[in-house]
Every structure is written in C-alpha cells, then in structure tokens.
C-alpha cells in the first residue's frame, strides 16, 4: 500500500475486496403457534422453498428444519442485505407460496417477530445437528420453552408480553 501526497492510502492496481463469513441461526413461528406445518411432505417443500428464497438473496441456507409450528434456518449471510430485510422477504414470499398450497393454508400467517443468533464457524456443525434433531427435541419441549432458552443463553432480555403473537 502506498500513500498519496495528502496521506490517503492508495491501492494501486489491486482491486479491493469485501469478504465475510457470517452465519445466522434464525427462528420464527407460525402466528400464535398454529400447527399449519403438520404435513411432513409439505414442510419439506416449504424448507426447500425457503432455501430457494435465501439463495436468491445471496443468503444460502446451510440447514433448514422445524416442526409443525416453527422453523429454524441456518444461513450464511450476504454482505448486501440486512437481517431484517432477509427475514421480511423469507416470510413474505413463503406466505404467498403456502397459501397457494391449498384451502387448509388459506389463513396461514407467520408471527410478526423472529429471533436471530450469530453462529461462529466452529459451531456451524452443532447448529446443523440441532436443527436436524427438531422432531425429537420437540417431543420434550415446547417452542416457547425452546425460544426462552435461546434468548437466555444469548443474554437477550425480553418481555413475555411482547414475545408471543
């Protein structure tokens, strides 16, 4: 690197790069935890659809899973989109798609909120395993207890009055 007479760094012939490896574990539920996602084949199709949305947004999914009332998404985040915009588009597009899957899903809605947690590269494998074990995990615990545990583990203060919708 060299500096011009004004003391400003110059890169010369080199092109600058912006690189990142940021993983996010995203969790959100159906509105009021309605079990809209009971059908396993439809749920798998939803997960594939969510993966496609993420890929389109340059936020490729590492793993997507969940049960009848919520989803977990582990993705590598793009450098060019905020978490809020990513979640908004995931929910918007998947709601439209789900409502097209039949009358039983005509009233489908996602909850308004979400929880997103950073995941270090060294913990990606553990989060993948956690997502893959959702069916067994939720035979022992509710979505609400699971989310409370995540929030506590990550030192996120919350008010129960505003957590659930």
N, C-alpha and C. Protein backbone atom coordinates (compact mmCIF):
# COMPACT_ATOMS: atom_id res chain seq x y z
N UNK A 1 0.84 -1.16 0.00
CA UNK A 1 0.00 0.00 0.00
C UNK A 1 0.89 1.22 0.00
N UNK A 2 0.49 2.19 -0.76
CA UNK A 2 1.23 3.45 -0.78
C UNK A 2 0.28 4.59 -0.41
N UNK A 3 0.86 5.75 -0.16
CA UNK A 3 0.06 6.90 0.23
C UNK A 3 0.32 8.04 -0.75
N UNK A 4 -0.74 8.77 -1.10
CA UNK A 4 -0.56 9.92 -1.97
C UNK A 4 -0.03 11.09 -1.15
N UNK A 5 0.29 12.21 -1.79
CA UNK A 5 0.85 13.35 -1.05
C UNK A 5 -0.07 13.87 0.06
N UNK A 6 -1.36 13.59 -0.02
CA UNK A 6 -2.30 14.04 1.02
C UNK A 6 -2.42 13.02 2.16
N UNK A 7 -1.66 11.93 2.12
CA UNK A 7 -1.69 10.93 3.17
C UNK A 7 -2.80 9.91 3.04
N UNK A 8 -3.47 9.89 1.88
CA UNK A 8 -4.57 8.95 1.66
C UNK A 8 -4.00 7.66 1.06
N UNK A 9 -4.42 6.54 1.64
CA UNK A 9 -3.92 5.24 1.16
C UNK A 9 -4.40 4.99 -0.26
N UNK A 10 -3.52 4.44 -1.10
CA UNK A 10 -3.86 4.07 -2.46
C UNK A 10 -3.58 2.59 -2.64
N UNK A 11 -4.45 1.94 -3.36
CA UNK A 11 -4.31 0.50 -3.57
C UNK A 11 -3.54 0.17 -4.83
N UNK A 12 -3.24 1.15 -5.61
CA UNK A 12 -2.51 0.88 -6.85
C UNK A 12 -3.39 0.13 -7.82
N UNK A 13 -2.86 -0.95 -8.41
CA UNK A 13 -3.59 -1.71 -9.40
C UNK A 13 -4.48 -2.79 -8.79
N UNK A 14 -4.44 -2.95 -7.48
CA UNK A 14 -5.21 -4.01 -6.83
C UNK A 14 -6.66 -3.59 -6.66
N UNK A 15 -7.53 -4.58 -6.79
CA UNK A 15 -8.97 -4.36 -6.59
C UNK A 15 -9.31 -4.65 -5.13
N UNK A 16 -10.04 -3.76 -4.47
CA UNK A 16 -10.44 -4.04 -3.10
C UNK A 16 -11.48 -5.14 -3.04
N UNK A 17 -11.48 -5.91 -1.95
CA UNK A 17 -12.45 -6.97 -1.76
C UNK A 17 -13.14 -6.77 -0.43
N UNK A 18 -14.40 -7.14 -0.39
CA UNK A 18 -15.14 -7.19 0.86
C UNK A 18 -15.55 -8.63 1.06
N UNK A 19 -15.05 -9.25 2.10
CA UNK A 19 -15.27 -10.66 2.34
C UNK A 19 -15.91 -10.86 3.70
N UNK A 20 -16.78 -11.85 3.80
CA UNK A 20 -17.37 -12.15 5.10
C UNK A 20 -17.75 -13.62 5.17
N UNK A 21 -17.90 -14.10 6.39
CA UNK A 21 -18.38 -15.45 6.65
C UNK A 21 -19.22 -15.38 7.92
N UNK A 22 -20.42 -14.84 7.78
CA UNK A 22 -21.30 -14.60 8.90
C UNK A 22 -22.48 -15.56 8.80
N UNK A 23 -22.64 -16.38 9.83
CA UNK A 23 -23.75 -17.33 9.87
C UNK A 23 -24.78 -16.85 10.89
N UNK A 24 -26.04 -17.00 10.53
CA UNK A 24 -27.15 -16.62 11.41
C UNK A 24 -28.08 -17.81 11.58
N UNK A 25 -28.47 -18.06 12.82
CA UNK A 25 -29.49 -19.06 13.14
C UNK A 25 -30.77 -18.28 13.40
N UNK A 26 -31.71 -18.42 12.49
CA UNK A 26 -32.98 -17.70 12.53
C UNK A 26 -34.09 -18.63 12.99
N UNK A 27 -34.93 -18.14 13.89
CA UNK A 27 -36.05 -18.93 14.40
C UNK A 27 -37.29 -18.05 14.36
N UNK A 28 -38.38 -18.58 13.78
CA UNK A 28 -39.66 -17.90 13.88
C UNK A 28 -40.78 -18.92 13.77
N UNK A 29 -41.94 -18.53 14.29
CA UNK A 29 -43.05 -19.48 14.36
C UNK A 29 -44.23 -19.01 13.52
N UNK A 30 -45.18 -19.89 13.40
CA UNK A 30 -46.46 -19.52 12.80
C UNK A 30 -47.17 -18.59 13.79
N UNK A 31 -48.09 -17.81 13.29
CA UNK A 31 -48.84 -16.91 14.16
C UNK A 31 -49.56 -17.74 15.23
N UNK A 32 -49.41 -17.31 16.47
CA UNK A 32 -49.97 -17.99 17.65
C UNK A 32 -49.64 -19.48 17.68
N UNK A 33 -48.53 -19.84 17.06
CA UNK A 33 -48.04 -21.21 17.02
C UNK A 33 -49.06 -22.21 16.51
N UNK A 34 -49.85 -21.78 15.54
CA UNK A 34 -50.81 -22.68 14.92
C UNK A 34 -50.04 -23.78 14.18
N UNK A 35 -50.47 -25.04 14.30
CA UNK A 35 -49.72 -26.16 13.69
C UNK A 35 -50.02 -26.33 12.19
N UNK A 36 -49.85 -25.26 11.43
CA UNK A 36 -50.12 -25.29 9.99
C UNK A 36 -49.19 -26.24 9.24
N UNK A 37 -48.04 -26.53 9.81
CA UNK A 37 -47.00 -27.27 9.08
C UNK A 37 -46.93 -28.73 9.50
N UNK A 38 -48.07 -29.33 9.80
CA UNK A 38 -48.11 -30.73 10.26
C UNK A 38 -47.68 -31.72 9.19
N UNK A 39 -48.09 -31.48 7.96
CA UNK A 39 -47.80 -32.41 6.88
C UNK A 39 -46.30 -32.39 6.57
N UNK A 40 -45.65 -33.52 6.77
CA UNK A 40 -44.20 -33.59 6.63
C UNK A 40 -43.72 -33.29 5.21
N UNK A 41 -44.43 -33.78 4.21
CA UNK A 41 -44.02 -33.53 2.81
C UNK A 41 -44.15 -32.04 2.47
N UNK A 42 -45.23 -31.43 2.92
CA UNK A 42 -45.42 -30.00 2.66
C UNK A 42 -44.35 -29.20 3.40
N UNK A 43 -44.02 -29.62 4.62
CA UNK A 43 -42.99 -28.94 5.41
C UNK A 43 -41.63 -29.03 4.69
N UNK A 44 -41.31 -30.21 4.15
CA UNK A 44 -40.06 -30.36 3.40
C UNK A 44 -40.06 -29.44 2.17
N UNK A 45 -41.21 -29.35 1.51
CA UNK A 45 -41.31 -28.45 0.35
C UNK A 45 -41.15 -27.00 0.77
N UNK A 46 -41.72 -26.64 1.92
CA UNK A 46 -41.55 -25.28 2.44
C UNK A 46 -40.08 -25.00 2.71
N UNK A 47 -39.39 -25.94 3.34
CA UNK A 47 -37.97 -25.74 3.64
C UNK A 47 -37.17 -25.55 2.36
N UNK A 48 -37.49 -26.31 1.35
CA UNK A 48 -36.81 -26.16 0.05
C UNK A 48 -37.13 -24.80 -0.56
N UNK A 49 -38.37 -24.37 -0.43
CA UNK A 49 -38.77 -23.07 -0.96
C UNK A 49 -38.02 -21.95 -0.22
N UNK A 50 -37.96 -22.04 1.12
CA UNK A 50 -37.21 -21.06 1.90
C UNK A 50 -35.73 -21.04 1.49
N UNK A 51 -35.17 -22.21 1.22
CA UNK A 51 -33.78 -22.28 0.76
C UNK A 51 -33.61 -21.55 -0.56
N UNK A 52 -34.58 -21.70 -1.45
CA UNK A 52 -34.53 -21.01 -2.74
C UNK A 52 -34.59 -19.50 -2.58
N UNK A 53 -35.44 -19.03 -1.68
CA UNK A 53 -35.51 -17.59 -1.42
C UNK A 53 -34.17 -17.10 -0.90
N UNK A 54 -33.61 -17.84 0.07
CA UNK A 54 -32.32 -17.45 0.62
C UNK A 54 -31.23 -17.41 -0.43
N UNK A 55 -31.21 -18.40 -1.31
CA UNK A 55 -30.20 -18.44 -2.37
C UNK A 55 -30.36 -17.22 -3.28
N UNK A 56 -31.60 -16.89 -3.62
CA UNK A 56 -31.87 -15.72 -4.46
C UNK A 56 -31.37 -14.43 -3.81
N UNK A 57 -31.43 -14.37 -2.48
CA UNK A 57 -30.99 -13.20 -1.74
C UNK A 57 -29.50 -13.25 -1.38
N UNK A 58 -28.79 -14.23 -1.92
CA UNK A 58 -27.37 -14.45 -1.64
C UNK A 58 -27.12 -14.75 -0.16
N UNK A 59 -28.11 -15.44 0.45
CA UNK A 59 -28.00 -15.91 1.83
C UNK A 59 -28.25 -17.42 1.81
N UNK A 60 -27.28 -18.18 1.31
CA UNK A 60 -27.51 -19.62 1.14
C UNK A 60 -27.75 -20.33 2.47
N UNK A 61 -28.77 -21.17 2.47
CA UNK A 61 -29.09 -21.95 3.66
C UNK A 61 -28.06 -23.06 3.84
N UNK A 62 -27.65 -23.23 5.07
CA UNK A 62 -26.80 -24.36 5.43
C UNK A 62 -27.71 -25.52 5.85
N UNK A 63 -28.76 -25.19 6.62
CA UNK A 63 -29.75 -26.20 7.03
C UNK A 63 -31.04 -25.48 7.41
N UNK A 64 -32.15 -26.10 7.04
CA UNK A 64 -33.48 -25.61 7.42
C UNK A 64 -34.24 -26.79 8.00
N UNK A 65 -34.93 -26.54 9.08
CA UNK A 65 -35.73 -27.59 9.71
C UNK A 65 -36.78 -26.98 10.60
N UNK A 66 -37.49 -27.83 11.28
CA UNK A 66 -38.52 -27.35 12.20
C UNK A 66 -39.61 -28.38 12.35
N UNK A 67 -40.67 -27.95 12.99
CA UNK A 67 -41.82 -28.82 13.23
C UNK A 67 -43.08 -28.08 12.80
N UNK A 68 -44.22 -28.54 13.28
CA UNK A 68 -45.49 -28.03 12.76
C UNK A 68 -45.77 -26.56 13.04
N UNK A 69 -45.05 -25.94 13.98
CA UNK A 69 -45.38 -24.56 14.32
C UNK A 69 -44.22 -23.57 14.23
N UNK A 70 -43.06 -24.00 13.77
CA UNK A 70 -41.95 -23.06 13.63
C UNK A 70 -40.84 -23.63 12.76
N UNK A 71 -39.95 -22.72 12.34
CA UNK A 71 -38.80 -23.11 11.53
C UNK A 71 -37.51 -22.59 12.14
N UNK A 72 -36.45 -23.31 11.83
CA UNK A 72 -35.08 -22.91 12.15
C UNK A 72 -34.35 -22.83 10.82
N UNK A 73 -33.63 -21.75 10.60
CA UNK A 73 -32.85 -21.59 9.38
C UNK A 73 -31.44 -21.18 9.77
N UNK A 74 -30.47 -21.97 9.34
CA UNK A 74 -29.07 -21.59 9.49
C UNK A 74 -28.58 -21.20 8.10
N UNK A 75 -28.16 -19.95 7.98
CA UNK A 75 -27.73 -19.44 6.67
C UNK A 75 -26.44 -18.65 6.80
N UNK A 76 -25.74 -18.63 5.70
CA UNK A 76 -24.61 -17.72 5.57
C UNK A 76 -25.15 -16.43 5.00
N UNK A 77 -24.90 -15.34 5.68
CA UNK A 77 -25.49 -14.06 5.29
C UNK A 77 -24.72 -13.37 4.17
N UNK A 78 -25.49 -12.73 3.33
CA UNK A 78 -24.92 -11.88 2.29
C UNK A 78 -24.33 -10.63 2.93
N UNK A 79 -23.40 -10.03 2.25
CA UNK A 79 -22.85 -8.76 2.72
C UNK A 79 -23.76 -7.59 2.37
N UNK A 80 -24.79 -7.84 1.56
CA UNK A 80 -25.55 -6.73 1.00
C UNK A 80 -27.00 -6.64 1.46
N UNK A 81 -27.40 -7.42 2.45
CA UNK A 81 -28.78 -7.38 2.91
C UNK A 81 -28.78 -7.39 4.44
N UNK A 82 -29.71 -6.67 5.02
CA UNK A 82 -29.83 -6.69 6.47
C UNK A 82 -30.59 -7.95 6.90
N UNK A 83 -30.42 -8.32 8.14
CA UNK A 83 -31.17 -9.46 8.66
C UNK A 83 -32.66 -9.18 8.57
N UNK A 84 -33.07 -7.97 8.91
CA UNK A 84 -34.50 -7.62 8.87
C UNK A 84 -35.08 -7.75 7.47
N UNK A 85 -34.35 -7.30 6.45
CA UNK A 85 -34.84 -7.42 5.08
C UNK A 85 -34.86 -8.87 4.61
N UNK A 86 -33.88 -9.64 5.02
CA UNK A 86 -33.84 -11.07 4.69
C UNK A 86 -35.05 -11.77 5.26
N UNK A 87 -35.32 -11.56 6.56
CA UNK A 87 -36.46 -12.20 7.21
C UNK A 87 -37.77 -11.75 6.59
N UNK A 88 -37.88 -10.47 6.32
CA UNK A 88 -39.11 -9.93 5.72
C UNK A 88 -39.42 -10.63 4.40
N UNK A 89 -38.40 -10.81 3.57
CA UNK A 89 -38.62 -11.46 2.28
C UNK A 89 -38.88 -12.95 2.43
N UNK A 90 -38.18 -13.61 3.35
CA UNK A 90 -38.46 -15.04 3.60
C UNK A 90 -39.93 -15.23 3.98
N UNK A 91 -40.40 -14.42 4.90
CA UNK A 91 -41.79 -14.54 5.37
C UNK A 91 -42.79 -14.15 4.29
N UNK A 92 -42.53 -13.05 3.60
CA UNK A 92 -43.45 -12.57 2.58
C UNK A 92 -43.65 -13.61 1.48
N UNK A 93 -42.55 -14.03 0.89
CA UNK A 93 -42.63 -14.96 -0.24
C UNK A 93 -43.16 -16.33 0.18
N UNK A 94 -42.74 -16.82 1.34
CA UNK A 94 -43.20 -18.14 1.76
C UNK A 94 -44.67 -18.13 2.16
N UNK A 95 -45.16 -17.02 2.68
CA UNK A 95 -46.60 -16.92 3.00
C UNK A 95 -47.43 -17.02 1.73
N UNK A 96 -47.02 -16.32 0.70
CA UNK A 96 -47.74 -16.38 -0.58
C UNK A 96 -47.72 -17.81 -1.10
N UNK A 97 -46.55 -18.44 -1.08
CA UNK A 97 -46.42 -19.80 -1.58
C UNK A 97 -47.28 -20.77 -0.77
N UNK A 98 -47.24 -20.66 0.57
CA UNK A 98 -48.01 -21.56 1.41
C UNK A 98 -49.51 -21.43 1.15
N UNK A 99 -49.98 -20.22 0.99
CA UNK A 99 -51.42 -20.01 0.76
C UNK A 99 -51.87 -20.59 -0.57
N UNK A 100 -50.94 -20.77 -1.49
CA UNK A 100 -51.26 -21.38 -2.78
C UNK A 100 -51.29 -22.91 -2.71
N UNK A 101 -50.92 -23.47 -1.56
CA UNK A 101 -50.82 -24.93 -1.42
C UNK A 101 -52.13 -25.59 -1.05
N UNK A 102 -53.18 -24.82 -0.87
CA UNK A 102 -54.48 -25.43 -0.59
C UNK A 102 -55.30 -24.62 0.39
N UNK A 103 -56.59 -24.93 0.42
CA UNK A 103 -57.52 -24.19 1.28
C UNK A 103 -57.15 -24.25 2.75
N UNK A 104 -56.61 -25.36 3.20
CA UNK A 104 -56.27 -25.52 4.61
C UNK A 104 -55.24 -24.48 5.07
N UNK A 105 -54.51 -23.91 4.12
CA UNK A 105 -53.48 -22.91 4.46
C UNK A 105 -53.91 -21.50 4.08
N UNK A 106 -55.18 -21.34 3.76
CA UNK A 106 -55.67 -20.03 3.34
C UNK A 106 -55.52 -18.95 4.40
N UNK A 107 -55.54 -19.33 5.67
CA UNK A 107 -55.41 -18.37 6.76
C UNK A 107 -53.99 -18.32 7.33
N UNK A 108 -53.04 -18.93 6.65
CA UNK A 108 -51.68 -19.01 7.17
C UNK A 108 -51.07 -17.63 7.39
N UNK A 109 -50.34 -17.50 8.50
CA UNK A 109 -49.52 -16.32 8.79
C UNK A 109 -48.33 -16.75 9.63
N UNK A 110 -47.22 -16.05 9.44
CA UNK A 110 -46.08 -16.18 10.33
C UNK A 110 -46.26 -15.20 11.48
N UNK A 111 -45.61 -15.46 12.61
CA UNK A 111 -45.61 -14.49 13.69
C UNK A 111 -44.92 -13.22 13.19
N UNK A 112 -45.20 -12.10 13.83
CA UNK A 112 -44.59 -10.84 13.40
C UNK A 112 -43.10 -10.80 13.70
N UNK A 113 -42.69 -11.37 14.81
CA UNK A 113 -41.30 -11.28 15.22
C UNK A 113 -40.45 -12.45 14.78
N UNK A 114 -39.22 -12.44 15.23
CA UNK A 114 -38.26 -13.52 14.96
C UNK A 114 -37.12 -13.40 15.95
N UNK A 115 -36.31 -14.41 16.02
CA UNK A 115 -35.08 -14.38 16.81
C UNK A 115 -33.93 -14.79 15.90
N UNK A 116 -32.85 -14.04 15.94
CA UNK A 116 -31.69 -14.33 15.11
C UNK A 116 -30.44 -14.31 15.98
N UNK A 117 -29.62 -15.33 15.80
CA UNK A 117 -28.43 -15.50 16.62
C UNK A 117 -27.21 -15.72 15.74
N UNK A 118 -26.11 -15.08 16.08
CA UNK A 118 -24.88 -15.30 15.33
C UNK A 118 -24.31 -16.67 15.69
N UNK A 119 -23.67 -17.28 14.71
CA UNK A 119 -23.07 -18.60 14.90
C UNK A 119 -21.64 -18.55 14.37
N UNK A 120 -20.69 -18.88 15.22
CA UNK A 120 -19.30 -18.90 14.77
C UNK A 120 -19.08 -20.10 13.85
N UNK A 121 -18.09 -20.00 12.99
CA UNK A 121 -17.80 -21.09 12.06
C UNK A 121 -17.57 -22.40 12.81
N UNK A 122 -16.95 -22.32 13.97
CA UNK A 122 -16.66 -23.54 14.74
C UNK A 122 -17.93 -24.19 15.32
N UNK A 123 -19.04 -23.47 15.36
CA UNK A 123 -20.29 -24.02 15.89
C UNK A 123 -21.32 -24.35 14.83
N UNK A 124 -21.00 -24.14 13.57
CA UNK A 124 -21.96 -24.42 12.50
C UNK A 124 -22.42 -25.88 12.55
N UNK A 125 -21.52 -26.80 12.72
CA UNK A 125 -21.87 -28.23 12.76
C UNK A 125 -22.83 -28.55 13.89
N UNK A 126 -22.63 -27.96 15.06
CA UNK A 126 -23.52 -28.19 16.20
C UNK A 126 -24.92 -27.66 15.92
N UNK A 127 -25.01 -26.50 15.28
CA UNK A 127 -26.32 -25.92 14.97
C UNK A 127 -27.02 -26.77 13.90
N UNK A 128 -26.27 -27.26 12.93
CA UNK A 128 -26.86 -28.16 11.93
C UNK A 128 -27.46 -29.37 12.61
N UNK A 129 -26.71 -29.99 13.51
CA UNK A 129 -27.23 -31.16 14.24
C UNK A 129 -28.46 -30.82 15.06
N UNK A 130 -28.45 -29.66 15.70
CA UNK A 130 -29.59 -29.23 16.50
C UNK A 130 -30.85 -29.11 15.61
N UNK A 131 -30.68 -28.48 14.46
CA UNK A 131 -31.82 -28.31 13.54
C UNK A 131 -32.30 -29.67 13.04
N UNK A 132 -31.39 -30.57 12.75
CA UNK A 132 -31.78 -31.89 12.27
C UNK A 132 -32.54 -32.70 13.32
N UNK A 133 -32.34 -32.39 14.59
CA UNK A 133 -33.00 -33.14 15.67
C UNK A 133 -34.29 -32.48 16.18
N UNK A 134 -34.87 -31.59 15.42
CA UNK A 134 -36.05 -30.86 15.88
C UNK A 134 -37.22 -31.76 16.25
N UNK A 135 -37.51 -32.76 15.46
CA UNK A 135 -38.65 -33.65 15.75
C UNK A 135 -38.49 -34.27 17.14
N UNK A 136 -37.35 -34.84 17.43
CA UNK A 136 -37.12 -35.47 18.73
C UNK A 136 -37.10 -34.44 19.85
N UNK A 137 -36.47 -33.30 19.59
CA UNK A 137 -36.37 -32.24 20.59
C UNK A 137 -37.75 -31.78 21.05
N UNK A 138 -38.66 -31.64 20.11
CA UNK A 138 -39.98 -31.09 20.44
C UNK A 138 -40.96 -32.15 20.96
N UNK A 139 -40.50 -33.34 21.15
CA UNK A 139 -41.28 -34.32 21.91
C UNK A 139 -41.12 -34.04 23.40
N UNK A 140 -40.06 -33.28 23.75
CA UNK A 140 -39.76 -32.98 25.15
C UNK A 140 -40.01 -31.53 25.55
N UNK A 141 -40.05 -30.62 24.59
CA UNK A 141 -40.14 -29.20 24.94
C UNK A 141 -40.99 -28.44 23.92
N UNK A 142 -41.58 -27.36 24.37
CA UNK A 142 -42.40 -26.52 23.50
C UNK A 142 -41.54 -25.49 22.79
N UNK A 143 -42.10 -24.90 21.76
CA UNK A 143 -41.42 -23.81 21.07
C UNK A 143 -41.12 -22.67 22.04
N UNK A 144 -42.09 -22.33 22.88
CA UNK A 144 -41.89 -21.21 23.81
C UNK A 144 -40.71 -21.48 24.75
N UNK A 145 -40.63 -22.69 25.31
CA UNK A 145 -39.52 -23.01 26.20
C UNK A 145 -38.19 -23.03 25.44
N UNK A 146 -38.21 -23.53 24.22
CA UNK A 146 -37.00 -23.54 23.40
C UNK A 146 -36.51 -22.12 23.16
N UNK A 147 -37.42 -21.23 22.76
CA UNK A 147 -37.02 -19.85 22.46
C UNK A 147 -36.55 -19.13 23.72
N UNK A 148 -37.24 -19.32 24.83
CA UNK A 148 -36.79 -18.72 26.09
C UNK A 148 -35.35 -19.15 26.41
N UNK A 149 -35.05 -20.43 26.21
CA UNK A 149 -33.71 -20.95 26.49
C UNK A 149 -32.68 -20.29 25.57
N UNK A 150 -33.00 -20.15 24.28
CA UNK A 150 -32.08 -19.48 23.35
C UNK A 150 -31.83 -18.04 23.76
N UNK A 151 -32.90 -17.34 24.10
CA UNK A 151 -32.76 -15.93 24.49
C UNK A 151 -31.91 -15.80 25.75
N UNK A 152 -32.16 -16.64 26.72
CA UNK A 152 -31.38 -16.60 27.96
C UNK A 152 -29.92 -16.93 27.71
N UNK A 153 -29.67 -17.99 26.95
CA UNK A 153 -28.30 -18.41 26.65
C UNK A 153 -27.52 -17.30 25.94
N UNK A 154 -28.23 -16.50 25.15
CA UNK A 154 -27.59 -15.43 24.39
C UNK A 154 -27.70 -14.06 25.05
N UNK A 155 -28.09 -14.06 26.35
CA UNK A 155 -28.18 -12.83 27.13
C UNK A 155 -29.06 -11.77 26.48
N UNK A 156 -30.18 -12.19 25.93
CA UNK A 156 -31.13 -11.27 25.33
C UNK A 156 -32.29 -11.08 26.29
N UNK A 157 -32.46 -9.84 26.75
CA UNK A 157 -33.57 -9.54 27.63
C UNK A 157 -34.85 -9.48 26.80
N UNK A 158 -35.95 -9.95 27.37
CA UNK A 158 -37.21 -9.93 26.64
C UNK A 158 -38.35 -9.76 27.62
N UNK A 159 -39.45 -9.30 27.09
CA UNK A 159 -40.68 -9.12 27.87
C UNK A 159 -41.71 -10.08 27.31
N UNK A 160 -42.13 -11.02 28.11
CA UNK A 160 -43.10 -12.05 27.67
C UNK A 160 -44.34 -11.45 27.03
N UNK A 161 -44.74 -10.26 27.48
CA UNK A 161 -45.96 -9.64 26.94
C UNK A 161 -45.83 -9.36 25.45
N UNK A 162 -44.61 -9.21 24.96
CA UNK A 162 -44.40 -8.83 23.55
C UNK A 162 -43.71 -9.91 22.75
N UNK A 163 -43.43 -11.02 23.39
CA UNK A 163 -42.67 -12.09 22.72
C UNK A 163 -43.55 -12.96 21.83
N UNK A 164 -44.77 -13.15 22.21
CA UNK A 164 -45.64 -14.11 21.52
C UNK A 164 -46.74 -13.40 20.77
N UNK A 165 -46.97 -13.78 19.55
CA UNK A 165 -48.14 -13.30 18.78
C UNK A 165 -48.58 -14.40 17.85
